Amino acid sequence: MRTFGLLGKTLTHSLSKNYFEEKFAKEGLTDCQFHLFEIENINLLPALLEQHPKLCGFTVTIPYKQQVLPYLDRISDEARAIGAVNAIKVVKVGNKKELWGFNTDVEGFRRSLSGHELPAKALVLGSGGAAAAILYVLKEKGIEYLTVSRTKQQGTITYGEVTGSLVEEYPLIINCTPVGTLEDKRPPLPYEALTERNFLYDLVYNPSTTSFMQAGIERNARTMNGLPMLHLQADAAWEIWNAPIETLCP
């Protein structure tokens, strides 16, 4: 039985297992299974791999997209540039297994924007692995951005520095934090400054309409949740897991 999965710390909110199990059923893939792998610390990864010798590939979520890097044997150029990995292929090389890392958040976000008219400037909320992938795509598209973080870091501003005029100047606001997952919370912003010119993109997908998105809806802003990106990055991971290794060569 070919085994795939999702690695993270707390996965009760995840829809990945349902998505892949429905995919396996729809495509008649009776030799595939998908598991949720919750570990308290990334240093438990080697033991997890020993426990699941049939593991062929897995995706990675908060908080391990950056912490997993030292455990990888090869990393794609794109993932290396981003500094975060969210898809890993287990590759047999001779008598040993190697972990090859990729970033499909990039492809998921890139594909999810298809057909959408995008503002020229964006506020990116968060500074973790997911945010790094989003910044990579924004750079590709020539969209100017400001990164917002809870604490002052080089190249970022804090939430306390986000004014109504910034919300107006940077109409695209992308939430790359887990704030709002399964709870009625949202990042601290001057939501009263939102207008129909704003586009609020929330990488959170559970609930389908987050408090962050609701604030935009109430002010006639465009909104989008992270479900399309989730599905698209999962499809990209599936392509990697089933691709011949000679076509990948990270």
C-alpha atoms as a PDB file:
ATOM      1  CA  MET A   1       0.000   0.000   0.000  1.00  0.00           C
ATOM      2  CA  ARG A   2       1.518   3.333  -1.101  1.00  0.00           C
ATOM      3  CA  THR A   3       1.330   5.749   1.810  1.00  0.00           C
ATOM      4  CA  PHE A   4       1.105   9.537   1.662  1.00  0.00           C
ATOM      5  CA  GLY A   5       0.360  12.058   4.357  1.00  0.00           C
ATOM      6  CA  LEU A   6       0.465  15.481   5.951  1.00  0.00           C
ATOM      7  CA  LEU A   7       3.070  16.402   8.577  1.00  0.00           C
ATOM      8  CA  GLY A   8       2.288  19.038  11.177  1.00  0.00           C
ATOM      9  CA  LYS A   9       1.829  19.739  14.852  1.00  0.00           C
ATOM     10  CA  THR A  10      -1.951  20.160  15.114  1.00  0.00           C
ATOM     11  CA  LEU A  11      -3.982  18.829  12.195  1.00  0.00           C
ATOM     12  CA  THR A  12      -7.579  18.663  13.443  1.00  0.00           C
ATOM     13  CA  HIS A  13      -8.514  21.535  11.092  1.00  0.00           C
ATOM     14  CA  SER A  14      -6.996  19.965   7.983  1.00  0.00           C
ATOM     15  CA  LEU A  15      -9.068  18.947   4.950  1.00  0.00           C
ATOM     16  CA  SER A  16      -6.119  17.297   3.177  1.00  0.00           C
ATOM     17  CA  LYS A  17      -6.990  13.741   4.235  1.00  0.00           C
ATOM     18  CA  ASN A  18     -10.546  14.072   2.910  1.00  0.00           C
ATOM     19  CA  TYR A  19      -9.300  15.612  -0.316  1.00  0.00           C
ATOM     20  CA  PHE A  20      -6.843  12.829  -1.049  1.00  0.00           C
ATOM     21  CA  GLU A  21      -9.156  10.026   0.033  1.00  0.00           C
ATOM     22  CA  GLU A  22     -11.837  11.380  -2.301  1.00  0.00           C
ATOM     23  CA  LYS A  23      -9.217  11.617  -5.045  1.00  0.00           C
ATOM     24  CA  PHE A  24      -8.122   8.005  -4.498  1.00  0.00           C
ATOM     25  CA  ALA A  25     -11.737   6.799  -4.582  1.00  0.00           C
ATOM     26  CA  LYS A  26     -12.616   8.826  -7.678  1.00  0.00           C
ATOM     27  CA  GLU A  27      -9.559   7.620  -9.598  1.00  0.00           C
ATOM     28  CA  GLY A  28      -9.815   4.013  -8.395  1.00  0.00           C
ATOM     29  CA  LEU A  29      -6.454   4.114  -6.641  1.00  0.00           C
ATOM     30  CA  THR A  30      -7.013   1.197  -4.274  1.00  0.00           C
ATOM     31  CA  ASP A  31      -3.297   0.878  -3.473  1.00  0.00           C
ATOM     32  CA  CYS A  32      -3.011   4.354  -1.904  1.00  0.00           C
ATOM     33  CA  GLN A  33      -3.700   5.639   1.600  1.00  0.00           C
ATOM     34  CA  PHE A  34      -3.310   9.040   3.286  1.00  0.00           C
ATOM     35  CA  HIS A  35      -2.514   9.701   6.945  1.00  0.00           C
ATOM     36  CA  LEU A  36      -2.222  12.724   9.202  1.00  0.00           C
ATOM     37  CA  PHE A  37       1.148  12.702  10.956  1.00  0.00           C
ATOM     38  CA  GLU A  38       1.070  14.880  14.067  1.00  0.00           C
ATOM     39  CA  ILE A  39       4.421  15.246  15.824  1.00  0.00           C
ATOM     40  CA  GLU A  40       5.312  17.480  18.755  1.00  0.00           C
ATOM     41  CA  ASN A  41       8.794  18.261  17.472  1.00  0.00           C
ATOM     42  CA  ILE A  42      10.487  18.033  14.077  1.00  0.00           C
ATOM     43  CA  ASN A  43      13.242  15.863  15.568  1.00  0.00           C
ATOM     44  CA  LEU A  44      10.667  13.046  15.670  1.00  0.00           C
ATOM     45  CA  LEU A  45      10.632  12.896  11.860  1.00  0.00           C
ATOM     46  CA  PRO A  46      13.302  10.152  11.509  1.00  0.00           C
ATOM     47  CA  ALA A  47      11.352   7.892  13.886  1.00  0.00           C
ATOM     48  CA  LEU A  48       8.164   8.562  11.914  1.00  0.00           C
ATOM     49  CA  LEU A  49       9.882   7.510   8.695  1.00  0.00           C
ATOM     50  CA  GLU A  50      11.046   4.291  10.368  1.00  0.00           C
ATOM     51  CA  GLN A  51       7.485   3.547  11.473  1.00  0.00           C
ATOM     52  CA  HIS A  52       6.094   4.039   7.955  1.00  0.00           C
ATOM     53  CA  PRO A  53       8.437   2.291   5.480  1.00  0.00           C
ATOM     54  CA  LYS A  54       5.827   2.531   2.691  1.00  0.00           C
ATOM     55  CA  LEU A  55       5.692   6.318   2.878  1.00  0.00           C
ATOM     56  CA  CYS A  56       6.160   7.717  -0.636  1.00  0.00           C
ATOM     57  CA  GLY A  57       5.575  11.406  -0.017  1.00  0.00           C
ATOM     58  CA  PHE A  58       4.025  13.909   2.348  1.00  0.00           C
ATOM     59  CA  THR A  59       3.079  17.545   2.588  1.00  0.00           C
ATOM     60  CA  VAL A  60       4.235  19.771   5.430  1.00  0.00           C
ATOM     61  CA  THR A  61       2.329  22.431   7.319  1.00  0.00           C
ATOM     62  CA  ILE A  62       2.750  24.763  10.312  1.00  0.00           C
ATOM     63  CA  PRO A  63       5.191  24.937  12.055  1.00  0.00           C
ATOM     64  CA  TYR A  64       7.574  22.687  10.137  1.00  0.00           C
ATOM     65  CA  LYS A  65       7.917  24.200   6.646  1.00  0.00           C
ATOM     66  CA  GLN A  66      11.228  25.780   7.582  1.00  0.00           C
ATOM     67  CA  GLN A  67      12.250  23.477  10.431  1.00  0.00           C
ATOM     68  CA  VAL A  68      12.251  20.444   8.100  1.00  0.00           C
ATOM     69  CA  LEU A  69      15.020  21.815   5.861  1.00  0.00           C
ATOM     70  CA  PRO A  70      17.985  20.237   7.732  1.00  0.00           C
ATOM     71  CA  TYR A  71      16.423  16.776   7.284  1.00  0.00           C
ATOM     72  CA  LEU A  72      16.332  16.968   3.488  1.00  0.00           C
ATOM     73  CA  ASP A  73      18.852  15.448   1.110  1.00  0.00           C
ATOM     74  CA  ARG A  74      17.914  17.632  -1.839  1.00  0.00           C
ATOM     75  CA  ILE A  75      15.902  20.825  -2.185  1.00  0.00           C
ATOM     76  CA  SER A  76      14.459  22.298  -5.378  1.00  0.00           C
ATOM     77  CA  ASP A  77      15.858  25.631  -6.501  1.00  0.00           C
ATOM     78  CA  GLU A  78      12.473  27.271  -5.955  1.00  0.00           C
ATOM     79  CA  ALA A  79      12.115  25.929  -2.411  1.00  0.00           C
ATOM     80  CA  ARG A  80      15.693  26.948  -1.617  1.00  0.00           C
ATOM     81  CA  ALA A  81      15.020  30.492  -2.821  1.00  0.00           C
ATOM     82  CA  ILE A  82      11.888  30.661  -0.672  1.00  0.00           C
ATOM     83  CA  GLY A  83      13.515  29.041   2.352  1.00  0.00           C
ATOM     84  CA  ALA A  84      10.560  26.750   3.022  1.00  0.00           C
ATOM     85  CA  VAL A  85       9.368  23.307   1.939  1.00  0.00           C
ATOM     86  CA  ASN A  86       5.804  22.004   2.021  1.00  0.00           C
ATOM     87  CA  ALA A  87       6.038  18.882  -0.163  1.00  0.00           C
ATOM     88  CA  ILE A  88       8.505  16.025   0.262  1.00  0.00           C
ATOM     89  CA  LYS A  89       9.120  13.067  -1.994  1.00  0.00           C
ATOM     90  CA  VAL A  90      10.692   9.940  -0.490  1.00  0.00           C
ATOM     91  CA  VAL A  91      13.186   8.686  -3.065  1.00  0.00           C
ATOM     92  CA  LYS A  92      15.079   5.402  -2.995  1.00  0.00           C
ATOM     93  CA  VAL A  93      18.678   5.968  -4.029  1.00  0.00           C
ATOM     94  CA  GLY A  94      20.666   2.745  -3.990  1.00  0.00           C
ATOM     95  CA  ASN A  95      20.138   1.138  -0.597  1.00  0.00           C
ATOM     96  CA  LYS A  96      19.045   4.305   1.182  1.00  0.00           C
ATOM     97  CA  LYS A  97      16.061   6.605   1.156  1.00  0.00           C
ATOM     98  CA  GLU A  98      16.400  10.298   0.509  1.00  0.00           C
ATOM     99  CA  LEU A  99      13.999  13.142   1.229  1.00  0.00           C
ATOM    100  CA  TRP A 100      13.612  15.613  -1.634  1.00  0.00           C
ATOM    101  CA  GLY A 101      11.926  18.908  -0.777  1.00  0.00           C
ATOM    102  CA  PHE A 102       9.736  21.160  -2.915  1.00  0.00           C
ATOM    103  CA  ASN A 103       7.442  24.126  -2.431  1.00  0.00           C
ATOM    104  CA  THR A 104       4.003  23.597  -3.962  1.00  0.00           C
ATOM    105  CA  ASP A 105       2.500  26.510  -2.014  1.00  0.00           C
ATOM    106  CA  VAL A 106       4.024  28.638  -4.758  1.00  0.00           C
ATOM    107  CA  GLU A 107       2.250  26.738  -7.522  1.00  0.00           C
ATOM    108  CA  GLY A 108      -0.990  26.564  -5.539  1.00  0.00           C
ATOM    109  CA  PHE A 109      -1.034  30.320  -4.931  1.00  0.00           C
ATOM    110  CA  ARG A 110       0.085  31.083  -8.484  1.00  0.00           C
ATOM    111  CA  ARG A 111      -2.680  28.956 -10.019  1.00  0.00           C
ATOM    112  CA  SER A 112      -5.323  30.255  -7.593  1.00  0.00           C
ATOM    113  CA  LEU A 113      -4.796  33.808  -8.882  1.00  0.00           C
ATOM    114  CA  SER A 114      -5.671  32.842 -12.442  1.00  0.00           C
ATOM    115  CA  GLY A 115      -8.540  34.970 -13.711  1.00  0.00           C
ATOM    116  CA  HIS A 116      -8.324  37.510 -10.891  1.00  0.00           C
ATOM    117  CA  GLU A 117      -7.491  41.149 -11.483  1.00  0.00           C
ATOM    118  CA  LEU A 118      -4.868  42.039  -8.900  1.00  0.00           C
ATOM    119  CA  PRO A 119      -3.980  45.401  -7.334  1.00  0.00           C
ATOM    120  CA  ALA A 120      -0.436  46.693  -7.793  1.00  0.00           C
ATOM    121  CA  LYS A 121       0.391  46.666  -4.067  1.00  0.00           C
ATOM    122  CA  ALA A 122      -0.133  44.129  -1.279  1.00  0.00           C
ATOM    123  CA  LEU A 123       0.064  43.817   2.489  1.00  0.00           C
ATOM    124  CA  VAL A 124       1.264  40.336   3.478  1.00  0.00           C
ATOM    125  CA  LEU A 125       0.327  39.322   7.015  1.00  0.00           C
ATOM    126  CA  GLY A 126       2.838  36.926   8.566  1.00  0.00           C
ATOM    127  CA  SER A 127       6.504  36.076   8.099  1.00  0.00           C
ATOM    128  CA  GLY A 128       6.571  32.269   8.150  1.00  0.00           C
ATOM    129  CA  GLY A 129       6.991  29.642   5.450  1.00  0.00           C
ATOM    130  CA  ALA A 130       3.608  30.262   3.832  1.00  0.00           C
ATOM    131  CA  ALA A 131       4.282  33.995   3.611  1.00  0.00           C
ATOM    132  CA  ALA A 132       7.650  33.321   1.965  1.00  0.00           C
ATOM    133  CA  ALA A 133       5.927  31.414  -0.844  1.00  0.00           C
ATOM    134  CA  ILE A 134       3.384  34.188  -1.329  1.00  0.00           C
ATOM    135  CA  LEU A 135       6.147  36.830  -1.524  1.00  0.00           C
ATOM    136  CA  TYR A 136       7.900  34.747  -4.180  1.00  0.00           C
ATOM    137  CA  VAL A 137       4.825  34.858  -6.413  1.00  0.00           C
ATOM    138  CA  LEU A 138       4.169  38.547  -5.770  1.00  0.00           C
ATOM    139  CA  LYS A 139       7.740  39.295  -6.883  1.00  0.00           C
ATOM    140  CA  GLU A 140       7.140  37.247 -10.031  1.00  0.00           C
ATOM    141  CA  LYS A 141       4.072  39.327 -10.809  1.00  0.00           C
ATOM    142  CA  GLY A 142       5.749  42.632 -10.066  1.00  0.00           C
ATOM    143  CA  ILE A 143       3.404  43.408  -7.174  1.00  0.00           C
ATOM    144  CA  GLU A 144       4.913  45.736  -4.574  1.00  0.00           C
ATOM    145  CA  TYR A 145       4.395  44.507  -1.005  1.00  0.00           C
ATOM    146  CA  LEU A 146       4.845  45.239   2.684  1.00  0.00           C
ATOM    147  CA  THR A 147       5.188  42.383   5.168  1.00  0.00           C
ATOM    148  CA  VAL A 148       3.364  42.761   8.496  1.00  0.00           C
ATOM    149  CA  SER A 149       4.534  40.847  11.572  1.00  0.00           C
ATOM    150  CA  ARG A 150       3.658  40.778  15.271  1.00  0.00           C
ATOM    151  CA  THR A 151       7.208  41.738  16.189  1.00  0.00           C
ATOM    152  CA  LYS A 152       9.541  44.176  14.493  1.00  0.00           C
ATOM    153  CA  GLN A 153      11.896  42.440  12.084  1.00  0.00           C
ATOM    154  CA  GLN A 154      14.151  43.631   9.311  1.00  0.00           C
ATOM    155  CA  GLY A 155      12.050  44.480   6.263  1.00  0.00           C
ATOM    156  CA  THR A 156       8.710  44.246   8.065  1.00  0.00           C
ATOM    157  CA  ILE A 157       6.268  46.528   9.825  1.00  0.00           C
ATOM    158  CA  THR A 158       4.138  45.672  12.859  1.00  0.00           C
ATOM    159  CA  TYR A 159       0.352  45.538  13.005  1.00  0.00           C
ATOM    160  CA  GLY A 160       0.402  48.710  15.068  1.00  0.00           C
ATOM    161  CA  GLU A 161       1.971  50.500  12.110  1.00  0.00           C
ATOM    162  CA  VAL A 162      -0.794  49.558   9.679  1.00  0.00           C
ATOM    163  CA  THR A 163      -2.899  52.661   9.162  1.00  0.00           C
ATOM    164  CA  GLY A 164      -6.043  53.301   7.199  1.00  0.00           C
ATOM    165  CA  SER A 165      -4.008  55.049   4.525  1.00  0.00           C
ATOM    166  CA  LEU A 166      -1.806  51.926   4.116  1.00  0.00           C
ATOM    167  CA  VAL A 167      -4.923  49.775   3.727  1.00  0.00           C
ATOM    168  CA  GLU A 168      -5.960  52.172   0.970  1.00  0.00           C
ATOM    169  CA  GLU A 169      -2.513  52.268  -0.653  1.00  0.00           C
ATOM    170  CA  TYR A 170      -2.021  48.466  -0.491  1.00  0.00           C
ATOM    171  CA  PRO A 171      -5.460  47.126  -1.525  1.00  0.00           C
ATOM    172  CA  LEU A 172      -4.489  43.437  -1.715  1.00  0.00           C
ATOM    173  CA  ILE A 173      -4.269  42.042   1.835  1.00  0.00           C
ATOM    174  CA  ILE A 174      -3.140  38.430   2.203  1.00  0.00           C
ATOM    175  CA  ASN A 175      -3.429  36.644   5.549  1.00  0.00           C
ATOM    176  CA  CYS A 176      -0.609  34.079   5.754  1.00  0.00           C
ATOM    177  CA  THR A 177      -1.080  33.440   9.480  1.00  0.00           C
ATOM    178  CA  PRO A 178      -3.231  30.717  11.103  1.00  0.00           C
ATOM    179  CA  VAL A 179      -5.277  33.389  12.910  1.00  0.00           C
ATOM    180  CA  GLY A 180      -8.940  32.634  12.270  1.00  0.00           C
ATOM    181  CA  THR A 181      -8.562  28.869  11.911  1.00  0.00           C
ATOM    182  CA  LEU A 182     -11.569  27.292  13.648  1.00  0.00           C
ATOM    183  CA  GLU A 183     -12.109  30.469  15.653  1.00  0.00           C
ATOM    184  CA  ASP A 184     -13.736  33.884  15.379  1.00  0.00           C
ATOM    185  CA  LYS A 185     -10.517  35.868  15.362  1.00  0.00           C
ATOM    186  CA  ARG A 186      -8.756  38.028  12.811  1.00  0.00           C
ATOM    187  CA  PRO A 187      -5.455  39.892  12.502  1.00  0.00           C
ATOM    188  CA  PRO A 188      -5.538  43.342  14.135  1.00  0.00           C
ATOM    189  CA  LEU A 189      -6.076  45.802  11.271  1.00  0.00           C
ATOM    190  CA  PRO A 190      -8.049  49.041  10.733  1.00  0.00           C
ATOM    191  CA  TYR A 191     -10.895  47.193   8.994  1.00  0.00           C
ATOM    192  CA  GLU A 192     -13.028  50.334   8.999  1.00  0.00           C
ATOM    193  CA  ALA A 193     -10.755  51.648   6.222  1.00  0.00           C
ATOM    194  CA  LEU A 194     -11.653  48.830   3.814  1.00  0.00           C
ATOM    195  CA  THR A 195     -13.559  49.664   0.644  1.00  0.00           C
ATOM    196  CA  GLU A 196     -14.655  47.932  -2.535  1.00  0.00           C
ATOM    197  CA  ARG A 197     -11.116  48.536  -3.863  1.00  0.00           C
ATOM    198  CA  ASN A 198      -9.653  46.003  -1.431  1.00  0.00           C
ATOM    199  CA  PHE A 199      -9.115  42.300  -2.085  1.00  0.00           C
ATOM    200  CA  LEU A 200      -8.774  40.146   1.063  1.00  0.00           C
ATOM    201  CA  TYR A 201      -7.155  36.767   0.435  1.00  0.00           C
ATOM    202  CA  ASP A 202      -7.100  34.439   3.463  1.00  0.00           C
ATOM    203  CA  LEU A 203      -4.921  31.324   3.295  1.00  0.00           C
ATOM    204  CA  VAL A 204      -7.142  29.928   6.067  1.00  0.00           C
ATOM    205  CA  TYR A 205      -9.882  27.700   4.614  1.00  0.00           C
ATOM    206  CA  ASN A 206     -11.638  26.401   7.713  1.00  0.00           C
ATOM    207  CA  PRO A 207     -14.066  28.094   8.305  1.00  0.00           C
ATOM    208  CA  SER A 208     -14.853  28.898   4.675  1.00  0.00           C
ATOM    209  CA  THR A 209     -15.660  32.508   5.592  1.00  0.00           C
ATOM    210  CA  THR A 210     -13.258  33.750   8.227  1.00  0.00           C
ATOM    211  CA  SER A 211     -13.726  36.794  10.416  1.00  0.00           C
ATOM    212  CA  PHE A 212     -11.001  38.468   8.320  1.00  0.00           C
ATOM    213  CA  MET A 213     -13.011  37.827   5.153  1.00  0.00           C
ATOM    214  CA  GLN A 214     -16.297  38.826   6.794  1.00  0.00           C
ATOM    215  CA  ALA A 215     -14.861  42.242   7.611  1.00  0.00           C
ATOM    216  CA  GLY A 216     -14.144  42.688   3.919  1.00  0.00           C
ATOM    217  CA  ILE A 217     -17.548  41.440   2.815  1.00  0.00           C
ATOM    218  CA  GLU A 218     -19.228  43.969   5.113  1.00  0.00           C
ATOM    219  CA  ARG A 219     -17.358  46.738   3.292  1.00  0.00           C
ATOM    220  CA  ASN A 220     -17.908  45.395  -0.232  1.00  0.00           C
ATOM    221  CA  ALA A 221     -14.315  44.219  -0.681  1.00  0.00           C
ATOM    222  CA  ARG A 222     -13.498  41.149  -2.768  1.00  0.00           C
ATOM    223  CA  THR A 223     -12.599  38.103  -0.683  1.00  0.00           C
ATOM    224  CA  MET A 224     -11.159  34.637  -1.226  1.00  0.00           C
ATOM    225  CA  ASN A 225     -10.303  31.802   1.139  1.00  0.00           C
ATOM    226  CA  GLY A 226      -7.446  29.318   0.942  1.00  0.00           C
ATOM    227  CA  LEU A 227      -9.389  26.270  -0.251  1.00  0.00           C
ATOM    228  CA  PRO A 228      -8.540  26.675  -3.964  1.00  0.00           C
ATOM    229  CA  MET A 229      -4.874  27.072  -3.044  1.00  0.00           C
ATOM    230  CA  LEU A 230      -5.049  23.989  -0.799  1.00  0.00           C
ATOM    231  CA  HIS A 231      -6.430  21.855  -3.623  1.00  0.00           C
ATOM    232  CA  LEU A 232      -4.033  23.249  -6.214  1.00  0.00           C
ATOM    233  CA  GLN A 233      -0.938  22.771  -4.060  1.00  0.00           C
ATOM    234  CA  ALA A 234      -2.120  19.236  -3.237  1.00  0.00           C
ATOM    235  CA  ASP A 235      -2.443  18.493  -6.952  1.00  0.00           C
ATOM    236  CA  ALA A 236       1.059  19.861  -7.516  1.00  0.00           C
ATOM    237  CA  ALA A 237       2.391  17.643  -4.697  1.00  0.00           C
ATOM    238  CA  TRP A 238       0.659  14.609  -6.225  1.00  0.00           C
ATOM    239  CA  GLU A 239       2.376  15.355  -9.541  1.00  0.00           C
ATOM    240  CA  ILE A 240       5.752  15.460  -7.790  1.00  0.00           C
ATOM    241  CA  TRP A 241       5.137  12.248  -5.831  1.00  0.00           C
ATOM    242  CA  ASN A 242       4.342  10.389  -9.055  1.00  0.00           C
ATOM    243  CA  ALA A 243       6.950  11.977 -11.315  1.00  0.00           C
ATOM    244  CA  PRO A 244      10.042  10.034 -12.398  1.00  0.00           C
ATOM    245  CA  ILE A 245      12.969  11.277 -10.314  1.00  0.00           C
ATOM    246  CA  GLU A 246      15.016  12.116 -13.393  1.00  0.00           C
ATOM    247  CA  THR A 247      12.449  14.786 -14.293  1.00  0.00           C
ATOM    248  CA  LEU A 248      12.738  16.442 -10.880  1.00  0.00           C
ATOM    249  CA  CYS A 249      16.434  16.609 -10.027  1.00  0.00           C
ATOM    250  CA  PRO A 250      16.193  19.283  -7.327  1.00  0.00           C
END
